[in-house]
Amino acid sequence: MTRNKPKPDDRSDNVEKLQEMVQNTIGNIEAAEETMVFADGRERAAIKAKNERREESIAGMRSEIEDEAAARKKGYSQE
């Protein structure tokens, strides 16, 4: 039986990927806010709740960007 080797951990572009995810999420928030104009009370509340979760995700992604940038600066030492 042949065992597959796992791919090496390639973190070289994580910062850029995370930054793109943040920008996409911001775009989703803005698009959702535009649709709120046409939403009724229940839909509006759902959109607001989803945007709040998106904001929380953005905060987490920004924190991860900082961690990844620090790891990049240190040379991505394996732990």
C-alpha atoms as a PDB file:
ATOM      1  CA  MET A   1       0.000   0.000   0.000  1.00  0.00           C
ATOM      2  CA  THR A   2       1.343   3.398  -1.021  1.00  0.00           C
ATOM      3  CA  ARG A   3       0.990   6.311   1.345  1.00  0.00           C
ATOM      4  CA  ASN A   4       0.554   9.804   0.012  1.00  0.00           C
ATOM      5  CA  LYS A   5       2.894  12.402   1.400  1.00  0.00           C
ATOM      6  CA  PRO A   6       1.150  15.505   2.704  1.00  0.00           C
ATOM      7  CA  LYS A   7       1.928  18.687   0.847  1.00  0.00           C
ATOM      8  CA  PRO A   8       4.364  20.978   2.629  1.00  0.00           C
ATOM      9  CA  ASP A   9       2.866  23.926   4.479  1.00  0.00           C
ATOM     10  CA  ASP A  10       3.025  26.829   2.028  1.00  0.00           C
ATOM     11  CA  ARG A  11       2.171  30.019   3.854  1.00  0.00           C
ATOM     12  CA  SER A  12       3.924  32.310   1.415  1.00  0.00           C
ATOM     13  CA  ASP A  13       0.745  33.960   0.125  1.00  0.00           C
ATOM     14  CA  ASN A  14      -1.537  33.709   3.167  1.00  0.00           C
ATOM     15  CA  VAL A  15      -1.380  37.449   3.878  1.00  0.00           C
ATOM     16  CA  GLU A  16      -2.481  38.284   0.350  1.00  0.00           C
ATOM     17  CA  LYS A  17      -5.248  35.670   0.388  1.00  0.00           C
ATOM     18  CA  LEU A  18      -6.549  36.980   3.702  1.00  0.00           C
ATOM     19  CA  GLN A  19      -6.436  40.578   2.467  1.00  0.00           C
ATOM     20  CA  GLU A  20      -8.471  39.555  -0.575  1.00  0.00           C
ATOM     21  CA  MET A  21     -10.970  37.794   1.676  1.00  0.00           C
ATOM     22  CA  VAL A  22     -11.325  40.969   3.773  1.00  0.00           C
ATOM     23  CA  GLN A  23     -11.953  43.043   0.631  1.00  0.00           C
ATOM     24  CA  ASN A  24     -14.526  40.541  -0.643  1.00  0.00           C
ATOM     25  CA  THR A  25     -16.307  40.536   2.710  1.00  0.00           C
ATOM     26  CA  ILE A  26     -16.386  44.342   2.773  1.00  0.00           C
ATOM     27  CA  GLY A  27     -17.894  44.230  -0.714  1.00  0.00           C
ATOM     28  CA  ASN A  28     -20.540  41.795   0.518  1.00  0.00           C
ATOM     29  CA  ILE A  29     -21.392  44.111   3.409  1.00  0.00           C
ATOM     30  CA  GLU A  30     -21.758  47.068   1.058  1.00  0.00           C
ATOM     31  CA  ALA A  31     -23.935  45.075  -1.363  1.00  0.00           C
ATOM     32  CA  ALA A  32     -26.132  43.872   1.489  1.00  0.00           C
ATOM     33  CA  GLU A  33     -26.561  47.428   2.778  1.00  0.00           C
ATOM     34  CA  GLU A  34     -27.699  48.501  -0.682  1.00  0.00           C
ATOM     35  CA  THR A  35     -30.355  45.788  -0.719  1.00  0.00           C
ATOM     36  CA  MET A  36     -31.660  46.839   2.706  1.00  0.00           C
ATOM     37  CA  VAL A  37     -33.374  49.764   0.989  1.00  0.00           C
ATOM     38  CA  PHE A  38     -35.779  47.282  -0.567  1.00  0.00           C
ATOM     39  CA  ALA A  39     -36.085  44.902   2.406  1.00  0.00           C
ATOM     40  CA  ASP A  40     -38.964  44.623   4.859  1.00  0.00           C
ATOM     41  CA  GLY A  41     -38.444  44.584   8.633  1.00  0.00           C
ATOM     42  CA  ARG A  42     -37.608  40.899   8.994  1.00  0.00           C
ATOM     43  CA  GLU A  43     -35.270  40.854   5.979  1.00  0.00           C
ATOM     44  CA  ARG A  44     -33.605  44.030   7.182  1.00  0.00           C
ATOM     45  CA  ALA A  45     -32.950  42.481  10.594  1.00  0.00           C
ATOM     46  CA  ALA A  46     -31.494  39.366   8.958  1.00  0.00           C
ATOM     47  CA  ILE A  47     -29.206  41.487   6.777  1.00  0.00           C
ATOM     48  CA  LYS A  48     -28.041  43.517   9.777  1.00  0.00           C
ATOM     49  CA  ALA A  49     -27.314  40.332  11.743  1.00  0.00           C
ATOM     50  CA  LYS A  50     -25.384  38.825   8.846  1.00  0.00           C
ATOM     51  CA  ASN A  51     -23.365  42.017   8.393  1.00  0.00           C
ATOM     52  CA  GLU A  52     -22.509  41.979  12.097  1.00  0.00           C
ATOM     53  CA  ARG A  53     -21.168  38.439  11.678  1.00  0.00           C
ATOM     54  CA  ARG A  54     -19.231  39.603   8.630  1.00  0.00           C
ATOM     55  CA  GLU A  55     -17.676  42.421  10.683  1.00  0.00           C
ATOM     56  CA  GLU A  56     -16.625  39.877  13.306  1.00  0.00           C
ATOM     57  CA  SER A  57     -15.090  37.730  10.569  1.00  0.00           C
ATOM     58  CA  ILE A  58     -13.183  40.718   9.239  1.00  0.00           C
ATOM     59  CA  ALA A  59     -11.764  41.395  12.700  1.00  0.00           C
ATOM     60  CA  GLY A  60     -10.613  37.765  12.916  1.00  0.00           C
ATOM     61  CA  MET A  61      -9.094  37.857   9.453  1.00  0.00           C
ATOM     62  CA  ARG A  62      -7.227  41.073  10.249  1.00  0.00           C
ATOM     63  CA  SER A  63      -5.834  39.477  13.377  1.00  0.00           C
ATOM     64  CA  GLU A  64      -4.757  36.473  11.318  1.00  0.00           C
ATOM     65  CA  ILE A  65      -3.129  38.816   8.785  1.00  0.00           C
ATOM     66  CA  GLU A  66      -1.057  40.304  11.594  1.00  0.00           C
ATOM     67  CA  ASP A  67      -0.049  36.808  12.770  1.00  0.00           C
ATOM     68  CA  GLU A  68       0.856  35.694   9.261  1.00  0.00           C
ATOM     69  CA  ALA A  69       2.823  38.881   8.583  1.00  0.00           C
ATOM     70  CA  ALA A  70       4.776  38.362  11.810  1.00  0.00           C
ATOM     71  CA  ALA A  71       5.438  34.722  10.877  1.00  0.00           C
ATOM     72  CA  ARG A  72       6.579  35.805   7.409  1.00  0.00           C
ATOM     73  CA  LYS A  73       8.984  38.288   8.963  1.00  0.00           C
ATOM     74  CA  LYS A  74      10.404  35.551  11.219  1.00  0.00           C
ATOM     75  CA  GLY A  75      10.824  33.160   8.299  1.00  0.00           C
ATOM     76  CA  TYR A  76       7.889  30.801   8.960  1.00  0.00           C
ATOM     77  CA  SER A  77       9.672  28.627  11.456  1.00  0.00           C
ATOM     78  CA  GLN A  78       7.899  25.296  12.009  1.00  0.00           C
ATOM     79  CA  GLU A  79       6.515  24.793  15.478  1.00  0.00           C
END
